[in-house]
Amino acid sequence: QVQLVESGGGAVQPGGSLRLSCAASGSARSIKNMGWYRQAPGKQRELVAWIFNDGSTNYVDSVKGRFTISRDNAKNTVYLQMNSLKAEDTAVYFCNKLPPLPDWGQGTQVTVSS
């Protein structure tokens, strides 16, 4: 069973940057076809960035050009580099597979506020 642990969140001002990490237990196969999801207060969880096993990536329009998802197979870790952060990016961020496993990690809180 794959366990996913998110880290790297924090509080930043608008325009700031953060780099989130998602460490997966097990082998590099644990991070095949992975996504970063987020859930803002009062809203449903949404997929914002994803990376397939072949390395191709996709993003929702709201983060395109600002967020970059990447993967380090040697470290079994998936990253989300977030630049030019906006208040509307405030949410708890989770990583999970595509499609997501039923068990979610605790996520990491990102707060963008002046």
C-alpha atoms as a PDB file:
ATOM      1  CA  GLN A   1       0.000   0.000   0.000  1.00  0.00           C
ATOM      2  CA  VAL A   2       1.354   3.396  -0.990  1.00  0.00           C
ATOM      3  CA  GLN A   3       1.630   6.068   1.668  1.00  0.00           C
ATOM      4  CA  LEU A   4       1.882   9.694   0.592  1.00  0.00           C
ATOM      5  CA  VAL A   5       3.165  12.492   2.814  1.00  0.00           C
ATOM      6  CA  GLU A   6       2.838  16.102   1.730  1.00  0.00           C
ATOM      7  CA  SER A   7       5.009  18.935   3.021  1.00  0.00           C
ATOM      8  CA  GLY A   8       6.237  22.399   2.149  1.00  0.00           C
ATOM      9  CA  GLY A   9       3.160  24.501   2.694  1.00  0.00           C
ATOM     10  CA  GLY A  10       3.098  27.788   4.550  1.00  0.00           C
ATOM     11  CA  ALA A  11       1.925  31.369   4.577  1.00  0.00           C
ATOM     12  CA  VAL A  12       3.124  33.710   1.849  1.00  0.00           C
ATOM     13  CA  GLN A  13       2.172  37.063   0.432  1.00  0.00           C
ATOM     14  CA  PRO A  14       0.580  37.394  -2.997  1.00  0.00           C
ATOM     15  CA  GLY A  15       3.236  37.000  -5.650  1.00  0.00           C
ATOM     16  CA  GLY A  16       5.297  34.689  -3.483  1.00  0.00           C
ATOM     17  CA  SER A  17       6.447  31.143  -4.145  1.00  0.00           C
ATOM     18  CA  LEU A  18       6.329  27.790  -2.423  1.00  0.00           C
ATOM     19  CA  ARG A  19       7.561  24.336  -3.309  1.00  0.00           C
ATOM     20  CA  LEU A  20       5.474  21.419  -2.142  1.00  0.00           C
ATOM     21  CA  SER A  21       6.815  17.898  -1.816  1.00  0.00           C
ATOM     22  CA  CYS A  22       5.042  14.568  -1.804  1.00  0.00           C
ATOM     23  CA  ALA A  23       7.067  11.648  -0.535  1.00  0.00           C
ATOM     24  CA  ALA A  24       5.798   8.206  -1.456  1.00  0.00           C
ATOM     25  CA  SER A  25       6.627   4.964   0.255  1.00  0.00           C
ATOM     26  CA  GLY A  26       7.572   1.936  -1.790  1.00  0.00           C
ATOM     27  CA  SER A  27       9.209   1.835  -5.193  1.00  0.00           C
ATOM     28  CA  ALA A  28       9.305   4.370  -8.018  1.00  0.00           C
ATOM     29  CA  ARG A  29       6.157   2.723  -9.305  1.00  0.00           C
ATOM     30  CA  SER A  30       4.453   4.402  -6.358  1.00  0.00           C
ATOM     31  CA  ILE A  31       4.655   7.753  -8.107  1.00  0.00           C
ATOM     32  CA  LYS A  32       3.455   6.728 -11.550  1.00  0.00           C
ATOM     33  CA  ASN A  33       0.636   8.956 -12.787  1.00  0.00           C
ATOM     34  CA  MET A  34       0.424  11.407  -9.930  1.00  0.00           C
ATOM     35  CA  GLY A  35      -1.547  14.526  -9.274  1.00  0.00           C
ATOM     36  CA  TRP A  36      -1.666  17.485  -6.947  1.00  0.00           C
ATOM     37  CA  TYR A  37      -5.106  18.298  -5.655  1.00  0.00           C
ATOM     38  CA  ARG A  38      -6.338  21.134  -3.485  1.00  0.00           C
ATOM     39  CA  GLN A  39      -9.331  21.875  -1.347  1.00  0.00           C
ATOM     40  CA  ALA A  40     -10.235  25.423  -0.418  1.00  0.00           C
ATOM     41  CA  PRO A  41     -12.574  26.168   2.497  1.00  0.00           C
ATOM     42  CA  GLY A  42     -16.154  25.396   1.561  1.00  0.00           C
ATOM     43  CA  LYS A  43     -15.193  23.993  -1.832  1.00  0.00           C
ATOM     44  CA  GLN A  44     -14.772  20.573  -3.326  1.00  0.00           C
ATOM     45  CA  ARG A  45     -11.345  19.064  -3.792  1.00  0.00           C
ATOM     46  CA  GLU A  46      -9.993  19.711  -7.272  1.00  0.00           C
ATOM     47  CA  LEU A  47      -7.140  18.361  -9.336  1.00  0.00           C
ATOM     48  CA  VAL A  48      -4.791  21.186 -10.315  1.00  0.00           C
ATOM     49  CA  ALA A  49      -1.685  19.547 -11.786  1.00  0.00           C
ATOM     50  CA  TRP A  50      -0.777  16.055 -12.893  1.00  0.00           C
ATOM     51  CA  ILE A  51       2.114  14.128 -14.348  1.00  0.00           C
ATOM     52  CA  PHE A  52       1.936  10.892 -16.278  1.00  0.00           C
ATOM     53  CA  ASN A  53       4.441   8.078 -16.254  1.00  0.00           C
ATOM     54  CA  ASP A  54       5.923   9.306 -19.526  1.00  0.00           C
ATOM     55  CA  GLY A  55       6.680  12.664 -17.917  1.00  0.00           C
ATOM     56  CA  SER A  56       3.983  14.647 -19.661  1.00  0.00           C
ATOM     57  CA  THR A  57       2.219  17.205 -17.499  1.00  0.00           C
ATOM     58  CA  ASN A  58      -1.080  19.033 -17.443  1.00  0.00           C
ATOM     59  CA  TYR A  59      -2.597  21.870 -15.440  1.00  0.00           C
ATOM     60  CA  VAL A  60      -5.919  23.451 -14.866  1.00  0.00           C
ATOM     61  CA  ASP A  61      -6.232  26.860 -16.469  1.00  0.00           C
ATOM     62  CA  SER A  62      -6.200  28.700 -13.144  1.00  0.00           C
ATOM     63  CA  VAL A  63      -2.624  27.599 -12.371  1.00  0.00           C
ATOM     64  CA  LYS A  64      -1.205  27.212 -15.871  1.00  0.00           C
ATOM     65  CA  GLY A  65       1.995  29.188 -16.282  1.00  0.00           C
ATOM     66  CA  ARG A  66       2.428  29.573 -12.519  1.00  0.00           C
ATOM     67  CA  PHE A  67       2.654  26.006 -11.173  1.00  0.00           C
ATOM     68  CA  THR A  68       5.043  23.279 -12.266  1.00  0.00           C
ATOM     69  CA  ILE A  69       4.715  19.630 -11.322  1.00  0.00           C
ATOM     70  CA  SER A  70       7.789  17.418 -11.429  1.00  0.00           C
ATOM     71  CA  ARG A  71       8.968  14.046 -10.213  1.00  0.00           C
ATOM     72  CA  ASP A  72      12.198  12.566  -8.869  1.00  0.00           C
ATOM     73  CA  ASN A  73      12.013   8.817  -9.302  1.00  0.00           C
ATOM     74  CA  ALA A  74      15.195   8.228  -7.326  1.00  0.00           C
ATOM     75  CA  LYS A  75      13.634   9.908  -4.295  1.00  0.00           C
ATOM     76  CA  ASN A  76      10.087   8.649  -4.888  1.00  0.00           C
ATOM     77  CA  THR A  77       8.985  12.249  -4.605  1.00  0.00           C
ATOM     78  CA  VAL A  78       6.664  14.479  -6.575  1.00  0.00           C
ATOM     79  CA  TYR A  79       6.967  18.263  -6.375  1.00  0.00           C
ATOM     80  CA  LEU A  80       4.763  21.242  -7.058  1.00  0.00           C
ATOM     81  CA  GLN A  81       6.556  24.511  -7.626  1.00  0.00           C
ATOM     82  CA  MET A  82       4.095  27.346  -7.141  1.00  0.00           C
ATOM     83  CA  ASN A  83       5.011  30.830  -8.293  1.00  0.00           C
ATOM     84  CA  SER A  84       3.081  34.091  -8.484  1.00  0.00           C
ATOM     85  CA  LEU A  85       0.735  32.851  -5.810  1.00  0.00           C
ATOM     86  CA  LYS A  86      -2.669  34.438  -5.484  1.00  0.00           C
ATOM     87  CA  ALA A  87      -5.147  34.637  -2.633  1.00  0.00           C
ATOM     88  CA  GLU A  88      -7.369  32.177  -4.484  1.00  0.00           C
ATOM     89  CA  ASP A  89      -4.611  29.566  -4.292  1.00  0.00           C
ATOM     90  CA  THR A  90      -5.227  29.329  -0.559  1.00  0.00           C
ATOM     91  CA  ALA A  91      -6.151  25.719   0.169  1.00  0.00           C
ATOM     92  CA  VAL A  92      -4.973  22.458   1.616  1.00  0.00           C
ATOM     93  CA  TYR A  93      -2.884  20.697  -1.008  1.00  0.00           C
ATOM     94  CA  PHE A  94      -2.798  16.930  -1.385  1.00  0.00           C
ATOM     95  CA  CYS A  95      -1.005  14.550  -3.652  1.00  0.00           C
ATOM     96  CA  ASN A  96      -2.507  11.310  -4.855  1.00  0.00           C
ATOM     97  CA  LYS A  97      -2.454   8.986  -7.808  1.00  0.00           C
ATOM     98  CA  LEU A  98      -4.521   9.281 -10.942  1.00  0.00           C
ATOM     99  CA  PRO A  99      -7.225   8.210 -10.368  1.00  0.00           C
ATOM    100  CA  PRO A 100      -6.869   8.908  -6.657  1.00  0.00           C
ATOM    101  CA  LEU A 101      -6.533   6.186  -4.070  1.00  0.00           C
ATOM    102  CA  PRO A 102      -9.316   6.136  -1.488  1.00  0.00           C
ATOM    103  CA  ASP A 103      -6.969   7.047   1.366  1.00  0.00           C
ATOM    104  CA  TRP A 104      -5.729  10.621   1.393  1.00  0.00           C
ATOM    105  CA  GLY A 105      -2.826  12.076   3.324  1.00  0.00           C
ATOM    106  CA  GLN A 106      -3.185  14.996   5.698  1.00  0.00           C
ATOM    107  CA  GLY A 107      -2.182  17.481   3.055  1.00  0.00           C
ATOM    108  CA  THR A 108      -0.229  20.680   3.524  1.00  0.00           C
ATOM    109  CA  GLN A 109      -1.796  24.091   4.093  1.00  0.00           C
ATOM    110  CA  VAL A 110      -1.019  26.935   1.721  1.00  0.00           C
ATOM    111  CA  THR A 111      -2.186  30.390   2.749  1.00  0.00           C
ATOM    112  CA  VAL A 112      -1.724  33.371   0.469  1.00  0.00           C
ATOM    113  CA  SER A 113      -2.525  36.634   2.159  1.00  0.00           C
ATOM    114  CA  SER A 114      -1.211  40.137   2.510  1.00  0.00           C
END
